[in-house]
Protein backbone atom coordinates (compact mmCIF):
# COMPACT_ATOMS: atom_id res chain seq x y z
CA UNK A 1 118.20 99.97 102.24
CA UNK A 2 116.61 103.35 102.97
CA UNK A 3 114.02 101.75 105.23
CA UNK A 4 116.78 100.09 107.27
CA UNK A 5 118.62 103.38 107.77
CA UNK A 6 115.43 105.09 108.93
CA UNK A 7 114.72 102.31 111.37
CA UNK A 8 118.26 102.44 112.78
CA UNK A 9 117.94 106.18 113.41
CA UNK A 10 114.54 105.71 115.07
CA UNK A 11 115.62 102.90 117.36
CA UNK A 12 118.77 104.69 118.40
CA UNK A 13 117.06 107.97 119.18
CA UNK A 14 114.28 106.31 121.15
CA UNK A 15 116.49 104.03 123.19
CA UNK A 16 118.99 106.67 124.25
CA UNK A 17 116.47 109.41 124.95
CA UNK A 18 114.63 107.18 127.39
CA UNK A 19 117.74 105.72 129.06
CA UNK A 20 118.54 108.61 131.35
CA UNK A 21 115.87 111.18 132.02
CA UNK A 22 115.27 113.39 135.01
CA UNK A 23 111.76 113.45 136.40
CA UNK A 24 111.53 117.19 135.73
CA UNK A 25 112.71 117.19 132.10
CA UNK A 26 111.53 115.23 129.08
CA UNK A 27 112.89 115.15 125.54
CA UNK A 28 110.29 114.37 122.89
CA UNK A 29 111.02 113.25 119.34
CA UNK A 30 109.09 111.97 116.35
CA UNK A 31 108.55 108.34 117.33
CA UNK A 32 108.30 107.31 113.69
CA UNK A 33 111.90 108.38 113.15
CA UNK A 34 113.59 110.66 110.63
CA UNK A 35 114.89 110.14 107.13
CA UNK A 36 118.31 111.61 106.39
CA UNK A 37 116.89 114.60 104.48
CA UNK A 38 113.92 115.27 106.84
CA UNK A 39 113.53 118.36 108.99
CA UNK A 40 114.45 117.07 112.44
CA UNK A 41 113.34 118.77 115.66
CA UNK A 42 113.11 117.41 119.18
CA UNK A 43 111.54 119.31 122.08
CA UNK A 44 112.62 119.44 125.71
CA UNK A 45 109.93 120.20 128.30
CA UNK A 46 110.98 121.26 131.83
CA UNK A 47 108.79 121.52 134.92
CA UNK A 48 111.30 123.96 136.44
CA UNK A 49 112.72 127.18 134.99
CA UNK A 50 115.69 126.15 132.85
CA UNK A 51 118.27 127.96 130.78
CA UNK A 52 119.20 125.46 128.10
CA UNK A 53 121.46 127.14 125.57
CA UNK A 54 122.57 124.14 123.55
CA UNK A 55 122.28 120.39 123.18
CA UNK A 56 124.53 117.63 121.93
CA UNK A 57 124.08 114.81 119.46
CA UNK A 58 126.16 111.79 120.52
CA UNK A 59 127.07 108.83 118.30
CA UNK A 60 125.85 105.83 120.30
CA UNK A 61 128.38 103.46 118.76
CA UNK A 62 131.49 105.51 119.52
CA UNK A 63 130.24 107.69 122.39
CA UNK A 64 131.71 110.69 120.60
CA UNK A 65 129.95 114.01 120.24
CA UNK A 66 128.81 114.50 116.65
CA UNK A 67 127.60 118.09 117.02
CA UNK A 68 126.52 120.77 119.46
CA UNK A 69 123.55 122.88 118.38
CA UNK A 70 121.85 125.96 119.86
CA UNK A 71 118.54 125.30 121.60
CA UNK A 72 115.63 127.59 120.71
CA UNK A 73 113.35 128.72 123.57
CA UNK A 74 109.62 128.48 122.85
CA UNK A 75 106.48 129.48 124.70
CA UNK A 76 106.03 127.19 127.74
CA UNK A 77 103.11 124.78 127.68
CA UNK A 78 101.29 124.23 130.98
CA UNK A 79 102.40 122.55 133.30
CA UNK A 80 105.96 123.15 132.01
CA UNK A 81 107.83 126.33 132.92
CA UNK A 82 110.44 126.03 130.16
CA UNK A 83 110.27 124.57 126.65
CA UNK A 84 112.93 124.48 123.94
CA UNK A 85 113.11 123.30 120.35
CA UNK A 86 116.16 121.19 119.60
CA UNK A 87 116.63 121.35 115.81
CA UNK A 88 119.03 118.79 114.38
CA UNK A 89 118.25 118.86 110.66
CA UNK A 90 121.99 119.27 110.01
CA UNK A 91 122.43 115.61 110.98
CA UNK A 92 122.37 113.81 107.62
CA UNK A 93 124.45 110.70 108.35
CA UNK A 94 122.63 107.44 109.03
CA UNK A 95 123.47 106.08 112.45
CA UNK A 96 122.35 105.57 116.01
CA UNK A 97 122.43 108.72 118.13
CA UNK A 98 121.30 110.15 121.43
CA UNK A 99 120.34 113.69 122.39
CA UNK A 100 121.80 115.25 125.54
CA UNK A 101 120.21 118.45 126.86
CA UNK A 102 119.49 119.94 130.27
CA UNK A 103 120.21 117.78 133.32
């Protein structure tokens, strides 16, 4: 049962992160997925200067916002002008979610 819940989280995160992305911003996650108790961090990389203060976790099934979390600026990595950590370890419930940040 645990393996199924991990797979559901992985598939949901991957499918929704790639559905709508701007050409100047990319959200990266662990492509192997996350277990409920894992430390969970995504990263957003921006080719332009950005001021991302927070991001949202959306339940894919209901479309409702599950949580809003503060983004953490990090040192930019060339060729990106802005980089942010998007920690979502607080998310413990098995489900299918998407991350919304930036444009």
